[in-house]
Amino acid sequence: MMLKLGLLAGFLCLCIFAVAIYDSTRFVKVSYKIANAEVKKRVKFVLLADLHNRRYGPHNEKLFAAIEAEKPDFILSAGDLITSVPKLSMEPAEELVRNLAERYPFYYANGNHEYRIYHDPEKFGGMGAEYRSVLEKSGVCLLENQSVVMADEGIRIYGLDLPPRFYHKFRKTPPGKEELDRILGTASRGEYRILLAHNPAYFEAYASWGADLTLSGHVHGGIMRLPWLGGVLSTSLTLFPKYDGGEFRLGEKRMIVSRGLGSHTIPIRIFNPAELVAVELAPKGTDTQKEKNRK
């Protein structure tokens, strides 16, 4: 009996290991549709988050082809396309950004990894200046506590750039509405407000500030996902994080959390493939059904 149990346990471990290898080498596409009265014109965008210098094929050709297949009107990044390791090459992210920015308007908000390389040159040397230069020369619109308006579409995009104290492990320090007003300005009126905010843990604060749609990443889907329980461990080392991946709602406010396209410290994914997110916004009265297409 013990031998059978041992063989069964070994087989299960082997299966989980095989799943981890498979899920760590692929990505799926997930699509959402949202209708809102403030949106004036149907638009579609692709959300990138947590690439962490990952490549899917030479020159990221598989990822690039998947993005092109979506035929987006523009690209949004919720941050962490690079990994903040001193002297680590950022070429995979830089190459993807350059190629995408040649074809689409590209709006970029920082994650905690970009924040580190920009604000700690003593540790990271010229990495921050190099990456910022690539973004600027490529024509990327970097939103560091700034916003840009799409008047014809009735949309305003904000990029939130939070300092390290909002990424502490084991505890949350939510920004209050007054603090977000100070950082981002008062939320605009008469527009559909999209907030690029890397850390999803503060959804309630973002919604209270005025974000109609928050776009986040950071949690990597919880690294391992279990049926009915969701993600197991966040990048902040929180067990079973509340906002692990997918769509969340507070009244009419929504948040979409990407499970990310890469990984860093814990470079595995179990029942949790990386994902590319596509979102279609439309005026009120059109179909709002969420579609999922996992390939």
C-alpha atoms as a PDB file:
ATOM      1  CA  MET A   1       0.000   0.000   0.000  1.00  0.00           C
ATOM      2  CA  MET A   2       2.767   2.429   0.928  1.00  0.00           C
ATOM      3  CA  LEU A   3       4.529   1.640  -2.341  1.00  0.00           C
ATOM      4  CA  LYS A   4       1.365   2.448  -4.304  1.00  0.00           C
ATOM      5  CA  LEU A   5       0.917   5.716  -2.421  1.00  0.00           C
ATOM      6  CA  GLY A   6       4.548   6.598  -3.055  1.00  0.00           C
ATOM      7  CA  LEU A   7       4.197   5.853  -6.759  1.00  0.00           C
ATOM      8  CA  LEU A   8       0.986   7.901  -6.919  1.00  0.00           C
ATOM      9  CA  ALA A   9       2.640  10.832  -5.137  1.00  0.00           C
ATOM     10  CA  GLY A  10       5.606  10.622  -7.486  1.00  0.00           C
ATOM     11  CA  PHE A  11       3.307  10.539 -10.504  1.00  0.00           C
ATOM     12  CA  LEU A  12       1.381  13.588  -9.268  1.00  0.00           C
ATOM     13  CA  CYS A  13       4.619  15.480  -8.662  1.00  0.00           C
ATOM     14  CA  LEU A  14       5.780  14.582 -12.158  1.00  0.00           C
ATOM     15  CA  CYS A  15       2.471  15.815 -13.612  1.00  0.00           C
ATOM     16  CA  ILE A  16       2.706  19.108 -11.725  1.00  0.00           C
ATOM     17  CA  PHE A  17       6.307  19.522 -12.866  1.00  0.00           C
ATOM     18  CA  ALA A  18       5.242  18.920 -16.477  1.00  0.00           C
ATOM     19  CA  VAL A  19       2.435  21.479 -16.139  1.00  0.00           C
ATOM     20  CA  ALA A  20       4.882  23.991 -14.636  1.00  0.00           C
ATOM     21  CA  ILE A  21       7.252  23.539 -17.584  1.00  0.00           C
ATOM     22  CA  TYR A  22       4.404  23.866 -20.080  1.00  0.00           C
ATOM     23  CA  ASP A  23       2.770  26.887 -18.421  1.00  0.00           C
ATOM     24  CA  SER A  24       6.111  28.634 -18.051  1.00  0.00           C
ATOM     25  CA  THR A  25       6.776  28.535 -21.789  1.00  0.00           C
ATOM     26  CA  ARG A  26       3.497  29.806 -23.252  1.00  0.00           C
ATOM     27  CA  PHE A  27       0.937  32.570 -23.069  1.00  0.00           C
ATOM     28  CA  VAL A  28      -2.799  32.728 -23.737  1.00  0.00           C
ATOM     29  CA  LYS A  29      -4.973  35.567 -24.995  1.00  0.00           C
ATOM     30  CA  VAL A  30      -7.842  36.893 -22.873  1.00  0.00           C
ATOM     31  CA  SER A  31     -10.380  39.386 -24.211  1.00  0.00           C
ATOM     32  CA  TYR A  32     -12.842  41.714 -22.489  1.00  0.00           C
ATOM     33  CA  LYS A  33     -15.642  43.933 -23.775  1.00  0.00           C
ATOM     34  CA  ILE A  34     -16.846  46.950 -21.813  1.00  0.00           C
ATOM     35  CA  ALA A  35     -19.578  49.451 -22.707  1.00  0.00           C
ATOM     36  CA  ASN A  36     -19.908  52.821 -20.992  1.00  0.00           C
ATOM     37  CA  ALA A  37     -21.910  55.975 -21.665  1.00  0.00           C
ATOM     38  CA  GLU A  38     -18.791  58.172 -21.546  1.00  0.00           C
ATOM     39  CA  VAL A  39     -17.098  56.257 -24.358  1.00  0.00           C
ATOM     40  CA  LYS A  40     -17.872  57.973 -27.666  1.00  0.00           C
ATOM     41  CA  LYS A  41     -16.249  55.602 -30.119  1.00  0.00           C
ATOM     42  CA  ARG A  42     -15.443  51.907 -30.172  1.00  0.00           C
ATOM     43  CA  VAL A  43     -11.745  51.250 -29.568  1.00  0.00           C
ATOM     44  CA  LYS A  44      -9.582  48.253 -28.869  1.00  0.00           C
ATOM     45  CA  PHE A  45      -6.287  48.084 -27.028  1.00  0.00           C
ATOM     46  CA  VAL A  46      -3.815  45.492 -25.850  1.00  0.00           C
ATOM     47  CA  LEU A  47      -2.508  45.536 -22.279  1.00  0.00           C
ATOM     48  CA  LEU A  48       1.077  44.468 -21.556  1.00  0.00           C
ATOM     49  CA  ALA A  49       2.272  43.805 -18.015  1.00  0.00           C
ATOM     50  CA  ASP A  50       5.104  42.002 -16.259  1.00  0.00           C
ATOM     51  CA  LEU A  51       7.033  40.872 -19.308  1.00  0.00           C
ATOM     52  CA  HIS A  52      10.223  40.932 -17.200  1.00  0.00           C
ATOM     53  CA  ASN A  53      12.437  40.771 -20.293  1.00  0.00           C
ATOM     54  CA  ARG A  54      10.819  37.549 -21.463  1.00  0.00           C
ATOM     55  CA  ARG A  55      11.085  36.489 -25.110  1.00  0.00           C
ATOM     56  CA  TYR A  56       8.577  34.329 -26.951  1.00  0.00           C
ATOM     57  CA  GLY A  57      10.541  33.223 -29.971  1.00  0.00           C
ATOM     58  CA  PRO A  58      13.376  35.150 -31.648  1.00  0.00           C
ATOM     59  CA  HIS A  59      12.815  38.904 -31.313  1.00  0.00           C
ATOM     60  CA  ASN A  60       9.566  38.115 -29.444  1.00  0.00           C
ATOM     61  CA  GLU A  61       8.000  37.293 -32.796  1.00  0.00           C
ATOM     62  CA  LYS A  62       5.273  35.063 -31.289  1.00  0.00           C
ATOM     63  CA  LEU A  63       4.142  37.779 -28.905  1.00  0.00           C
ATOM     64  CA  PHE A  64       4.343  40.457 -31.571  1.00  0.00           C
ATOM     65  CA  ALA A  65       2.286  38.343 -33.984  1.00  0.00           C
ATOM     66  CA  ALA A  66      -0.364  37.756 -31.317  1.00  0.00           C
ATOM     67  CA  ILE A  67      -0.599  41.498 -30.683  1.00  0.00           C
ATOM     68  CA  GLU A  68      -0.878  42.274 -34.387  1.00  0.00           C
ATOM     69  CA  ALA A  69      -3.626  39.665 -34.751  1.00  0.00           C
ATOM     70  CA  GLU A  70      -5.745  41.637 -32.276  1.00  0.00           C
ATOM     71  CA  LYS A  71      -5.562  44.730 -34.549  1.00  0.00           C
ATOM     72  CA  PRO A  72      -5.449  47.148 -31.601  1.00  0.00           C
ATOM     73  CA  ASP A  73      -5.914  50.898 -31.910  1.00  0.00           C
ATOM     74  CA  PHE A  74      -3.235  51.466 -29.272  1.00  0.00           C
ATOM     75  CA  ILE A  75      -1.047  49.695 -26.711  1.00  0.00           C
ATOM     76  CA  LEU A  76      -1.089  50.169 -22.941  1.00  0.00           C
ATOM     77  CA  SER A  77       1.541  48.984 -20.481  1.00  0.00           C
ATOM     78  CA  ALA A  78       0.898  48.549 -16.771  1.00  0.00           C
ATOM     79  CA  GLY A  79       4.618  48.252 -16.063  1.00  0.00           C
ATOM     80  CA  ASP A  80       7.406  45.813 -15.279  1.00  0.00           C
ATOM     81  CA  LEU A  81       8.326  45.055 -18.855  1.00  0.00           C
ATOM     82  CA  ILE A  82      11.895  44.942 -17.531  1.00  0.00           C
ATOM     83  CA  THR A  83      13.459  43.397 -14.410  1.00  0.00           C
ATOM     84  CA  SER A  84      15.461  45.528 -12.005  1.00  0.00           C
ATOM     85  CA  VAL A  85      18.630  43.456 -11.722  1.00  0.00           C
ATOM     86  CA  PRO A  86      21.901  45.429 -12.025  1.00  0.00           C
ATOM     87  CA  LYS A  87      23.604  45.015 -15.419  1.00  0.00           C
ATOM     88  CA  LEU A  88      20.840  42.704 -16.699  1.00  0.00           C
ATOM     89  CA  SER A  89      20.156  43.219 -20.404  1.00  0.00           C
ATOM     90  CA  MET A  90      16.858  44.951 -21.141  1.00  0.00           C
ATOM     91  CA  GLU A  91      17.040  44.227 -24.862  1.00  0.00           C
ATOM     92  CA  PRO A  92      13.976  41.914 -24.986  1.00  0.00           C
ATOM     93  CA  ALA A  93      11.731  44.657 -23.591  1.00  0.00           C
ATOM     94  CA  GLU A  94      13.456  47.433 -25.523  1.00  0.00           C
ATOM     95  CA  GLU A  95      13.133  45.587 -28.822  1.00  0.00           C
ATOM     96  CA  LEU A  96       9.449  44.836 -28.275  1.00  0.00           C
ATOM     97  CA  VAL A  97       8.714  48.435 -27.294  1.00  0.00           C
ATOM     98  CA  ARG A  98      10.518  49.794 -30.362  1.00  0.00           C
ATOM     99  CA  ASN A  99       8.714  47.439 -32.731  1.00  0.00           C
ATOM    100  CA  LEU A 100       5.279  48.115 -31.263  1.00  0.00           C
ATOM    101  CA  ALA A 101       5.751  51.884 -31.054  1.00  0.00           C
ATOM    102  CA  GLU A 102       6.535  51.953 -34.781  1.00  0.00           C
ATOM    103  CA  ARG A 103       3.028  50.689 -35.491  1.00  0.00           C
ATOM    104  CA  TYR A 104       0.762  51.813 -32.660  1.00  0.00           C
ATOM    105  CA  PRO A 105       0.340  54.669 -30.191  1.00  0.00           C
ATOM    106  CA  PHE A 106       1.910  53.340 -26.990  1.00  0.00           C
ATOM    107  CA  TYR A 107       1.077  54.586 -23.472  1.00  0.00           C
ATOM    108  CA  TYR A 108       3.297  53.338 -20.671  1.00  0.00           C
ATOM    109  CA  ALA A 109       3.009  53.488 -16.883  1.00  0.00           C
ATOM    110  CA  ASN A 110       5.816  52.302 -14.648  1.00  0.00           C
ATOM    111  CA  GLY A 111       5.816  49.281 -12.403  1.00  0.00           C
ATOM    112  CA  ASN A 112       7.967  48.899  -9.321  1.00  0.00           C
ATOM    113  CA  HIS A 113      10.866  47.550 -11.412  1.00  0.00           C
ATOM    114  CA  GLU A 114      10.981  50.614 -13.683  1.00  0.00           C
ATOM    115  CA  TYR A 115      10.679  52.841 -10.632  1.00  0.00           C
ATOM    116  CA  ARG A 116      13.761  51.224  -9.091  1.00  0.00           C
ATOM    117  CA  ILE A 117      16.043  51.667 -12.086  1.00  0.00           C
ATOM    118  CA  TYR A 118      14.931  55.289 -12.547  1.00  0.00           C
ATOM    119  CA  HIS A 119      15.381  56.314  -8.917  1.00  0.00           C
ATOM    120  CA  ASP A 120      18.453  54.359  -7.775  1.00  0.00           C
ATOM    121  CA  PRO A 121      21.295  55.053 -10.233  1.00  0.00           C
ATOM    122  CA  GLU A 122      23.843  54.187  -7.548  1.00  0.00           C
ATOM    123  CA  LYS A 123      22.627  50.581  -7.642  1.00  0.00           C
ATOM    124  CA  PHE A 124      21.494  50.277 -11.259  1.00  0.00           C
ATOM    125  CA  GLY A 125      23.996  52.549 -12.973  1.00  0.00           C
ATOM    126  CA  GLY A 126      22.786  53.855 -16.317  1.00  0.00           C
ATOM    127  CA  MET A 127      19.938  51.359 -16.744  1.00  0.00           C
ATOM    128  CA  GLY A 128      17.268  53.929 -15.951  1.00  0.00           C
ATOM    129  CA  ALA A 129      18.646  56.549 -18.329  1.00  0.00           C
ATOM    130  CA  GLU A 130      19.077  53.922 -21.060  1.00  0.00           C
ATOM    131  CA  TYR A 131      15.533  52.601 -20.774  1.00  0.00           C
ATOM    132  CA  ARG A 132      13.961  56.041 -20.575  1.00  0.00           C
ATOM    133  CA  SER A 133      15.922  57.040 -23.677  1.00  0.00           C
ATOM    134  CA  VAL A 134      14.604  54.006 -25.580  1.00  0.00           C
ATOM    135  CA  LEU A 135      11.024  54.896 -24.652  1.00  0.00           C
ATOM    136  CA  GLU A 136      11.431  58.538 -25.620  1.00  0.00           C
ATOM    137  CA  LYS A 137      13.213  57.842 -28.919  1.00  0.00           C
ATOM    138  CA  SER A 138      10.568  55.257 -29.813  1.00  0.00           C
ATOM    139  CA  GLY A 139       7.794  57.792 -29.307  1.00  0.00           C
ATOM    140  CA  VAL A 140       6.255  56.035 -26.315  1.00  0.00           C
ATOM    141  CA  CYS A 141       4.097  58.268 -24.120  1.00  0.00           C
ATOM    142  CA  LEU A 142       5.432  57.671 -20.604  1.00  0.00           C
ATOM    143  CA  LEU A 143       2.775  58.557 -18.029  1.00  0.00           C
ATOM    144  CA  GLU A 144       4.398  59.244 -14.666  1.00  0.00           C
ATOM    145  CA  ASN A 145       1.495  60.578 -12.609  1.00  0.00           C
ATOM    146  CA  GLN A 146       0.266  62.245 -15.775  1.00  0.00           C
ATOM    147  CA  SER A 147      -2.636  61.778 -18.164  1.00  0.00           C
ATOM    148  CA  VAL A 148      -3.400  61.978 -21.851  1.00  0.00           C
ATOM    149  CA  VAL A 149      -6.807  62.553 -23.421  1.00  0.00           C
ATOM    150  CA  MET A 150      -8.346  60.888 -26.453  1.00  0.00           C
ATOM    151  CA  ALA A 151     -10.980  63.485 -27.225  1.00  0.00           C
ATOM    152  CA  ASP A 152     -12.653  61.706 -30.141  1.00  0.00           C
ATOM    153  CA  GLU A 153     -13.073  58.547 -28.081  1.00  0.00           C
ATOM    154  CA  GLY A 154     -14.080  60.302 -24.842  1.00  0.00           C
ATOM    155  CA  ILE A 155     -11.250  58.603 -22.948  1.00  0.00           C
ATOM    156  CA  ARG A 156      -8.547  59.890 -20.605  1.00  0.00           C
ATOM    157  CA  ILE A 157      -5.642  57.621 -19.657  1.00  0.00           C
ATOM    158  CA  TYR A 158      -3.801  58.171 -16.368  1.00  0.00           C
ATOM    159  CA  GLY A 159      -0.511  56.564 -15.392  1.00  0.00           C
ATOM    160  CA  LEU A 160       0.126  56.111 -11.660  1.00  0.00           C
ATOM    161  CA  ASP A 161       3.743  55.944 -10.486  1.00  0.00           C
ATOM    162  CA  LEU A 162       3.806  54.767  -6.870  1.00  0.00           C
ATOM    163  CA  PRO A 163       6.994  54.791  -4.753  1.00  0.00           C
ATOM    164  CA  PRO A 164       8.361  51.657  -3.022  1.00  0.00           C
ATOM    165  CA  ARG A 165       6.429  52.112   0.224  1.00  0.00           C
ATOM    166  CA  PHE A 166       3.299  51.003  -1.639  1.00  0.00           C
ATOM    167  CA  TYR A 167       4.964  47.704  -2.559  1.00  0.00           C
ATOM    168  CA  HIS A 168       6.021  46.518   0.899  1.00  0.00           C
ATOM    169  CA  LYS A 169       5.837  42.790   1.378  1.00  0.00           C
ATOM    170  CA  PHE A 170       3.412  41.381   3.940  1.00  0.00           C
ATOM    171  CA  ARG A 171       1.458  44.629   4.381  1.00  0.00           C
ATOM    172  CA  LYS A 172      -0.617  47.132   2.440  1.00  0.00           C
ATOM    173  CA  THR A 173      -0.466  50.907   2.802  1.00  0.00           C
ATOM    174  CA  PRO A 174      -3.363  52.138   0.646  1.00  0.00           C
ATOM    175  CA  PRO A 175      -3.127  55.675  -0.720  1.00  0.00           C
ATOM    176  CA  GLY A 176      -6.042  57.844   0.367  1.00  0.00           C
ATOM    177  CA  LYS A 177      -8.190  59.825  -2.048  1.00  0.00           C
ATOM    178  CA  GLU A 178      -6.501  63.074  -1.021  1.00  0.00           C
ATOM    179  CA  GLU A 179      -3.101  61.543  -1.757  1.00  0.00           C
ATOM    180  CA  LEU A 180      -4.239  60.315  -5.164  1.00  0.00           C
ATOM    181  CA  ASP A 181      -5.726  63.748  -5.868  1.00  0.00           C
ATOM    182  CA  ARG A 182      -2.336  65.244  -5.038  1.00  0.00           C
ATOM    183  CA  ILE A 183      -0.431  62.722  -7.166  1.00  0.00           C
ATOM    184  CA  LEU A 184      -2.736  62.484 -10.176  1.00  0.00           C
ATOM    185  CA  GLY A 185      -4.921  65.546  -9.850  1.00  0.00           C
ATOM    186  CA  THR A 186      -8.675  65.450  -9.386  1.00  0.00           C
ATOM    187  CA  ALA A 187     -10.322  62.864 -11.613  1.00  0.00           C
ATOM    188  CA  SER A 188     -11.697  64.450 -14.769  1.00  0.00           C
ATOM    189  CA  ARG A 189     -15.397  64.641 -15.548  1.00  0.00           C
ATOM    190  CA  GLY A 190     -17.266  63.829 -18.722  1.00  0.00           C
ATOM    191  CA  GLU A 191     -14.638  61.296 -19.810  1.00  0.00           C
ATOM    192  CA  TYR A 192     -14.077  57.572 -19.396  1.00  0.00           C
ATOM    193  CA  ARG A 193     -11.127  57.385 -17.011  1.00  0.00           C
ATOM    194  CA  ILE A 194      -8.596  54.592 -17.471  1.00  0.00           C
ATOM    195  CA  LEU A 195      -5.981  54.258 -14.726  1.00  0.00           C
ATOM    196  CA  LEU A 196      -2.767  52.340 -15.335  1.00  0.00           C
ATOM    197  CA  ALA A 197      -1.827  51.303 -11.798  1.00  0.00           C
ATOM    198  CA  HIS A 198       0.686  48.482 -11.521  1.00  0.00           C
ATOM    199  CA  ASN A 199      -0.302  47.265  -8.047  1.00  0.00           C
ATOM    200  CA  PRO A 200      -3.912  45.975  -7.948  1.00  0.00           C
ATOM    201  CA  ALA A 201      -4.029  45.736  -4.151  1.00  0.00           C
ATOM    202  CA  TYR A 202      -5.487  49.241  -3.886  1.00  0.00           C
ATOM    203  CA  PHE A 203      -8.487  48.831  -6.190  1.00  0.00           C
ATOM    204  CA  GLU A 204     -10.834  50.370  -3.628  1.00  0.00           C
ATOM    205  CA  ALA A 205      -8.667  53.497  -3.443  1.00  0.00           C
ATOM    206  CA  TYR A 206      -8.426  53.779  -7.229  1.00  0.00           C
ATOM    207  CA  ALA A 207     -12.193  53.423  -7.625  1.00  0.00           C
ATOM    208  CA  SER A 208     -12.848  55.959  -4.868  1.00  0.00           C
ATOM    209  CA  TRP A 209     -10.515  58.422  -6.584  1.00  0.00           C
ATOM    210  CA  GLY A 210     -12.531  58.119  -9.795  1.00  0.00           C
ATOM    211  CA  ALA A 211     -11.019  55.451 -12.050  1.00  0.00           C
ATOM    212  CA  ASP A 212     -13.693  53.865 -14.234  1.00  0.00           C
ATOM    213  CA  LEU A 213     -11.315  51.150 -15.394  1.00  0.00           C
ATOM    214  CA  THR A 214      -8.121  50.248 -13.550  1.00  0.00           C
ATOM    215  CA  LEU A 215      -5.533  48.169 -15.395  1.00  0.00           C
ATOM    216  CA  SER A 216      -2.972  46.347 -13.268  1.00  0.00           C
ATOM    217  CA  GLY A 217      -0.535  43.457 -13.109  1.00  0.00           C
ATOM    218  CA  HIS A 218       2.199  42.823 -10.510  1.00  0.00           C
ATOM    219  CA  VAL A 219       0.763  39.649  -8.934  1.00  0.00           C
ATOM    220  CA  HIS A 220       1.692  37.260 -11.775  1.00  0.00           C
ATOM    221  CA  GLY A 221      -1.639  35.492 -11.358  1.00  0.00           C
ATOM    222  CA  GLY A 222      -0.606  34.160  -7.967  1.00  0.00           C
ATOM    223  CA  ILE A 223       2.210  32.041  -9.492  1.00  0.00           C
ATOM    224  CA  MET A 224       0.227  28.822  -8.921  1.00  0.00           C
ATOM    225  CA  ARG A 225      -3.556  28.626  -9.306  1.00  0.00           C
ATOM    226  CA  LEU A 226      -5.882  26.176  -7.584  1.00  0.00           C
ATOM    227  CA  PRO A 227      -9.489  25.380  -8.543  1.00  0.00           C
ATOM    228  CA  TRP A 228     -12.021  27.554  -6.643  1.00  0.00           C
ATOM    229  CA  LEU A 229      -9.194  29.219  -4.691  1.00  0.00           C
ATOM    230  CA  GLY A 230      -7.381  31.146  -7.419  1.00  0.00           C
ATOM    231  CA  GLY A 231      -3.813  32.377  -7.147  1.00  0.00           C
ATOM    232  CA  VAL A 232      -1.764  31.009  -4.263  1.00  0.00           C
ATOM    233  CA  LEU A 233       1.046  33.521  -3.706  1.00  0.00           C
ATOM    234  CA  SER A 234       1.444  37.148  -4.736  1.00  0.00           C
ATOM    235  CA  THR A 235       4.739  38.851  -5.501  1.00  0.00           C
ATOM    236  CA  SER A 236       4.313  40.582  -2.128  1.00  0.00           C
ATOM    237  CA  LEU A 237       4.298  37.099  -0.545  1.00  0.00           C
ATOM    238  CA  THR A 238       0.609  37.333   0.350  1.00  0.00           C
ATOM    239  CA  LEU A 239      -1.214  34.007   0.377  1.00  0.00           C
ATOM    240  CA  PHE A 240      -4.296  33.816  -1.840  1.00  0.00           C
ATOM    241  CA  PRO A 241      -4.265  37.464  -2.929  1.00  0.00           C
ATOM    242  CA  LYS A 242      -7.708  38.987  -3.403  1.00  0.00           C
ATOM    243  CA  TYR A 243      -6.865  40.530  -6.766  1.00  0.00           C
ATOM    244  CA  ASP A 244      -4.857  37.816  -8.470  1.00  0.00           C
ATOM    245  CA  GLY A 245      -5.962  38.046 -12.092  1.00  0.00           C
ATOM    246  CA  GLY A 246      -9.031  38.659 -14.203  1.00  0.00           C
ATOM    247  CA  GLU A 247     -11.858  41.167 -13.859  1.00  0.00           C
ATOM    248  CA  PHE A 248     -13.143  42.701 -10.620  1.00  0.00           C
ATOM    249  CA  ARG A 249     -15.979  45.153  -9.944  1.00  0.00           C
ATOM    250  CA  LEU A 250     -16.976  47.703  -7.348  1.00  0.00           C
ATOM    251  CA  GLY A 251     -20.367  48.952  -8.469  1.00  0.00           C
ATOM    252  CA  GLU A 252     -19.804  50.409 -11.929  1.00  0.00           C
ATOM    253  CA  LYS A 253     -16.024  50.564 -11.440  1.00  0.00           C
ATOM    254  CA  ARG A 254     -13.922  47.814 -12.941  1.00  0.00           C
ATOM    255  CA  MET A 255     -10.402  46.505 -12.662  1.00  0.00           C
ATOM    256  CA  ILE A 256      -8.673  44.118 -15.033  1.00  0.00           C
ATOM    257  CA  VAL A 257      -5.580  42.440 -13.619  1.00  0.00           C
ATOM    258  CA  SER A 258      -3.222  40.844 -16.108  1.00  0.00           C
ATOM    259  CA  ARG A 259      -1.546  37.664 -14.949  1.00  0.00           C
ATOM    260  CA  GLY A 260       1.532  38.953 -16.692  1.00  0.00           C
ATOM    261  CA  LEU A 261       3.735  37.795 -19.523  1.00  0.00           C
ATOM    262  CA  GLY A 262       6.842  36.776 -17.596  1.00  0.00           C
ATOM    263  CA  SER A 263       8.306  36.157 -14.159  1.00  0.00           C
ATOM    264  CA  HIS A 264      11.429  36.905 -12.160  1.00  0.00           C
ATOM    265  CA  THR A 265      12.223  35.786  -8.590  1.00  0.00           C
ATOM    266  CA  ILE A 266      10.003  32.687  -8.723  1.00  0.00           C
ATOM    267  CA  PRO A 267      10.349  31.747 -12.410  1.00  0.00           C
ATOM    268  CA  ILE A 268       7.562  29.166 -12.571  1.00  0.00           C
ATOM    269  CA  ARG A 269       3.853  29.099 -13.339  1.00  0.00           C
ATOM    270  CA  ILE A 270       1.585  26.213 -12.374  1.00  0.00           C
ATOM    271  CA  PHE A 271      -1.935  26.054 -13.860  1.00  0.00           C
ATOM    272  CA  ASN A 272      -1.276  29.728 -14.515  1.00  0.00           C
ATOM    273  CA  PRO A 273      -0.054  30.490 -18.039  1.00  0.00           C
ATOM    274  CA  ALA A 274       1.123  33.979 -18.904  1.00  0.00           C
ATOM    275  CA  GLU A 275      -1.474  36.084 -20.658  1.00  0.00           C
ATOM    276  CA  LEU A 276      -1.926  38.798 -23.229  1.00  0.00           C
ATOM    277  CA  VAL A 277      -4.970  40.964 -22.506  1.00  0.00           C
ATOM    278  CA  ALA A 278      -7.116  42.667 -25.151  1.00  0.00           C
ATOM    279  CA  VAL A 279      -9.899  45.094 -24.188  1.00  0.00           C
ATOM    280  CA  GLU A 280     -12.612  46.538 -26.398  1.00  0.00           C
ATOM    281  CA  LEU A 281     -14.406  49.681 -25.207  1.00  0.00           C
ATOM    282  CA  ALA A 282     -17.676  50.747 -26.784  1.00  0.00           C
ATOM    283  CA  PRO A 283     -20.462  53.280 -26.221  1.00  0.00           C
ATOM    284  CA  LYS A 284     -23.296  52.230 -23.907  1.00  0.00           C
ATOM    285  CA  GLY A 285     -25.824  49.941 -25.513  1.00  0.00           C
ATOM    286  CA  THR A 286     -23.386  47.554 -27.179  1.00  0.00           C
ATOM    287  CA  ASP A 287     -22.597  44.042 -26.058  1.00  0.00           C
ATOM    288  CA  THR A 288     -20.692  43.973 -22.758  1.00  0.00           C
ATOM    289  CA  GLN A 289     -20.174  40.243 -22.558  1.00  0.00           C
ATOM    290  CA  LYS A 290     -16.708  39.249 -21.441  1.00  0.00           C
ATOM    291  CA  GLU A 291     -15.032  36.883 -23.811  1.00  0.00           C
ATOM    292  CA  LYS A 292     -12.232  34.532 -22.921  1.00  0.00           C
ATOM    293  CA  ASN A 293     -10.115  32.905 -25.542  1.00  0.00           C
ATOM    294  CA  ARG A 294      -7.336  30.799 -24.044  1.00  0.00           C
ATOM    295  CA  LYS A 295      -5.152  29.141 -26.639  1.00  0.00           C
END
